[in-house]
């Protein structure tokens, strides 16, 4: 979904960002299917990310999730921009002023229904889908791809959407 901490945009060794990327097709709402745990999403389920085109040409980012411990919704609004060529799915995302973090789409189906996202290191990984579930064969393919890059997929949290 999002990264908050690093001020650079990078991609883990062995990972390759999707090329021929069309940002217009990527815009809209995505459901978080799985993620690695980290502070800003701890104890959240029903997590989503919505991407919009802003007037300044950047991508608006709105993340939302339900904290099942506190019983409250949590949200964050940020922005994203391409790290370079806008047809290569390497972006930089910011929720805190000038601090950006890597957001790399490393797998994406032709219909823009399922995405595998890597952060700037092997500490950050997400599986996203346009629906609340994902076909088993897509899940298996994305998990395998992540393992081949070096992600410890045993750490994946499978998000509940209820």
Protein backbone atom coordinates (compact mmCIF):
# COMPACT_ATOMS: atom_id res chain seq x y z
CA UNK A 1 0.00 0.00 0.00
CA UNK A 2 2.27 2.79 1.23
CA UNK A 3 5.66 3.50 2.61
CA UNK A 4 6.41 6.35 4.89
CA UNK A 5 9.95 6.28 6.16
CA UNK A 6 12.63 6.51 3.54
CA UNK A 7 13.42 9.66 1.60
CA UNK A 8 14.63 7.90 -1.51
CA UNK A 9 13.01 5.90 -4.24
CA UNK A 10 14.64 2.56 -4.81
CA UNK A 11 13.76 -0.97 -5.66
CA UNK A 12 15.00 -4.17 -4.00
CA UNK A 13 17.81 -6.01 -5.80
CA UNK A 14 16.36 -8.54 -8.22
CA UNK A 15 13.02 -6.74 -8.51
CA UNK A 16 12.07 -5.11 -11.79
CA UNK A 17 9.32 -2.53 -12.17
CA UNK A 18 6.58 -3.10 -14.73
CA UNK A 19 7.18 -1.35 -18.05
CA UNK A 20 4.55 -0.08 -20.51
CA UNK A 21 2.74 1.12 -17.37
CA UNK A 22 -0.42 3.18 -17.93
CA UNK A 23 -1.17 5.28 -14.87
CA UNK A 24 -4.74 6.02 -16.00
CA UNK A 25 -5.56 2.30 -15.88
CA UNK A 26 -3.99 2.01 -12.42
CA UNK A 27 -6.07 4.80 -10.89
CA UNK A 28 -9.06 3.93 -8.71
CA UNK A 29 -9.65 1.76 -5.68
CA UNK A 30 -7.52 -1.24 -4.74
CA UNK A 31 -8.07 -3.70 -1.88
CA UNK A 32 -5.07 -4.81 0.10
CA UNK A 33 -5.00 -8.62 -0.09
CA UNK A 34 -1.73 -9.14 1.77
CA UNK A 35 1.13 -7.10 3.23
CA UNK A 36 4.16 -7.23 5.43
CA UNK A 37 3.46 -5.81 8.86
CA UNK A 38 4.78 -2.37 9.65
CA UNK A 39 3.97 0.36 12.11
CA UNK A 40 1.55 2.45 10.05
CA UNK A 41 -0.71 -0.46 9.16
CA UNK A 42 -0.43 -2.51 12.35
CA UNK A 43 -3.79 -3.98 13.47
CA UNK A 44 -5.61 -2.83 10.33
CA UNK A 45 -7.99 -4.85 8.21
CA UNK A 46 -10.42 -3.79 5.48
CA UNK A 47 -7.52 -1.79 4.05
CA UNK A 48 -7.80 -0.02 0.72
CA UNK A 49 -5.80 2.38 -1.39
CA UNK A 50 -7.43 4.80 -3.81
CA UNK A 51 -5.36 6.55 -6.45
CA UNK A 52 -6.55 9.68 -8.29
CA UNK A 53 -5.02 12.12 -10.74
CA UNK A 54 -4.41 15.48 -9.10
CA UNK A 55 -4.60 18.84 -10.87
CA UNK A 56 -0.82 19.28 -10.51
CA UNK A 57 -0.24 16.03 -12.43
CA UNK A 58 0.78 14.02 -9.37
CA UNK A 59 -1.17 11.01 -8.19
CA UNK A 60 -3.30 11.45 -5.09
CA UNK A 61 -3.11 8.59 -2.61
CA UNK A 62 -5.81 7.86 -0.05
CA UNK A 63 -5.30 4.86 2.24
CA UNK A 64 -7.92 3.60 4.66
CA UNK A 65 -8.15 0.73 7.10
CA UNK A 66 -10.09 -0.39 10.15
CA UNK A 67 -8.18 -0.84 13.41
CA UNK A 68 -9.78 -3.94 14.89
CA UNK A 69 -8.17 -3.24 18.30
CA UNK A 70 -9.44 0.33 18.78
CA UNK A 71 -12.57 -0.06 16.67
CA UNK A 72 -11.71 3.04 14.64
CA UNK A 73 -11.05 3.77 10.99
CA UNK A 74 -7.61 5.15 10.18
CA UNK A 75 -6.75 6.99 6.99
CA UNK A 76 -3.84 8.76 5.37
CA UNK A 77 -3.66 11.09 2.40
CA UNK A 78 -0.53 11.50 0.33
CA UNK A 79 0.87 11.96 -3.13
CA UNK A 80 2.94 9.97 -5.57
CA UNK A 81 5.13 10.83 -8.50
CA UNK A 82 7.15 8.82 -10.95
CA UNK A 83 10.80 8.29 -10.09
CA UNK A 84 11.62 8.63 -13.79
CA UNK A 85 9.90 7.52 -16.98
CA UNK A 86 6.11 7.47 -16.41
CA UNK A 87 5.80 4.24 -18.38
CA UNK A 88 7.96 2.46 -15.78
CA UNK A 89 6.04 1.68 -12.59
CA UNK A 90 8.64 3.05 -10.17
CA UNK A 91 7.08 5.75 -8.06
CA UNK A 92 7.87 7.79 -4.99
CA UNK A 93 5.11 8.18 -2.39
CA UNK A 94 4.94 10.83 0.32
CA UNK A 95 2.68 11.23 3.32
CA UNK A 96 5.04 13.46 5.29
CA UNK A 97 6.17 16.62 3.51
CA UNK A 98 9.41 16.19 1.61
CA UNK A 99 9.97 12.56 2.62
CA UNK A 100 9.36 10.02 -0.14
CA UNK A 101 9.48 6.24 -0.21
CA UNK A 102 9.69 3.75 -3.03
CA UNK A 103 6.51 2.25 -4.48
CA UNK A 104 7.29 -0.24 -7.23
CA UNK A 105 4.74 -2.23 -9.18
CA UNK A 106 6.65 -5.43 -9.92
CA UNK A 107 3.77 -7.54 -11.27
CA UNK A 108 0.52 -6.46 -12.89
CA UNK A 109 -1.99 -8.33 -14.99
CA UNK A 110 -2.99 -6.98 -18.40
CA UNK A 111 -6.40 -5.83 -17.13
CA UNK A 112 -4.98 -3.98 -14.10
CA UNK A 113 -6.94 -6.13 -11.65
CA UNK A 114 -4.06 -7.55 -9.56
CA UNK A 115 -0.76 -5.97 -8.53
CA UNK A 116 2.35 -6.96 -6.62
CA UNK A 117 4.04 -3.98 -4.98
CA UNK A 118 7.55 -3.77 -3.55
CA UNK A 119 8.86 -0.96 -1.44
CA UNK A 120 12.45 0.21 -1.53
CA UNK A 121 13.70 -2.86 0.34
CA UNK A 122 12.73 -6.43 1.20
CA UNK A 123 10.88 -5.07 4.27
CA UNK A 124 7.85 -3.86 2.31
CA UNK A 125 5.55 -5.95 0.13
CA UNK A 126 1.87 -5.77 -0.83
CA UNK A 127 -0.56 -7.73 -2.96
CA UNK A 128 -3.46 -5.60 -4.21
CA UNK A 129 -6.63 -6.39 -6.13
CA UNK A 130 -9.66 -4.53 -7.46
CA UNK A 131 -11.92 -6.92 -5.53
CA UNK A 132 -11.74 -8.18 -1.94
CA UNK A 133 -10.41 -11.56 -3.05
CA UNK A 134 -7.84 -12.80 -5.51
CA UNK A 135 -7.78 -16.00 -7.57
CA UNK A 136 -5.57 -18.69 -6.04
CA UNK A 137 -3.43 -18.95 -9.19
CA UNK A 138 -2.67 -15.19 -9.11
CA UNK A 139 -1.91 -15.36 -5.40
CA UNK A 140 0.43 -18.32 -5.91
CA UNK A 141 2.20 -16.63 -8.86
CA UNK A 142 2.75 -13.39 -6.93
CA UNK A 143 3.98 -15.19 -3.82
CA UNK A 144 6.39 -17.24 -5.96
CA UNK A 145 7.68 -14.12 -7.72
CA UNK A 146 8.23 -12.40 -4.37
CA UNK A 147 10.11 -15.44 -3.03
CA UNK A 148 12.35 -15.52 -6.12
CA UNK A 149 13.32 -11.88 -5.46
CA UNK A 150 14.16 -12.70 -1.85
CA UNK A 151 11.06 -11.67 0.12
CA UNK A 152 10.23 -13.85 3.12
CA UNK A 153 6.61 -14.48 2.18
CA UNK A 154 5.98 -16.32 5.46
CA UNK A 155 5.73 -12.81 6.91
CA UNK A 156 2.73 -11.90 4.75
CA UNK A 157 -0.40 -10.87 6.63
CA UNK A 158 -3.53 -11.89 4.72
CA UNK A 159 -5.95 -9.00 5.17
CA UNK A 160 -9.56 -9.58 6.18
CA UNK A 161 -12.28 -7.67 4.35
CA UNK A 162 -15.53 -7.89 6.24
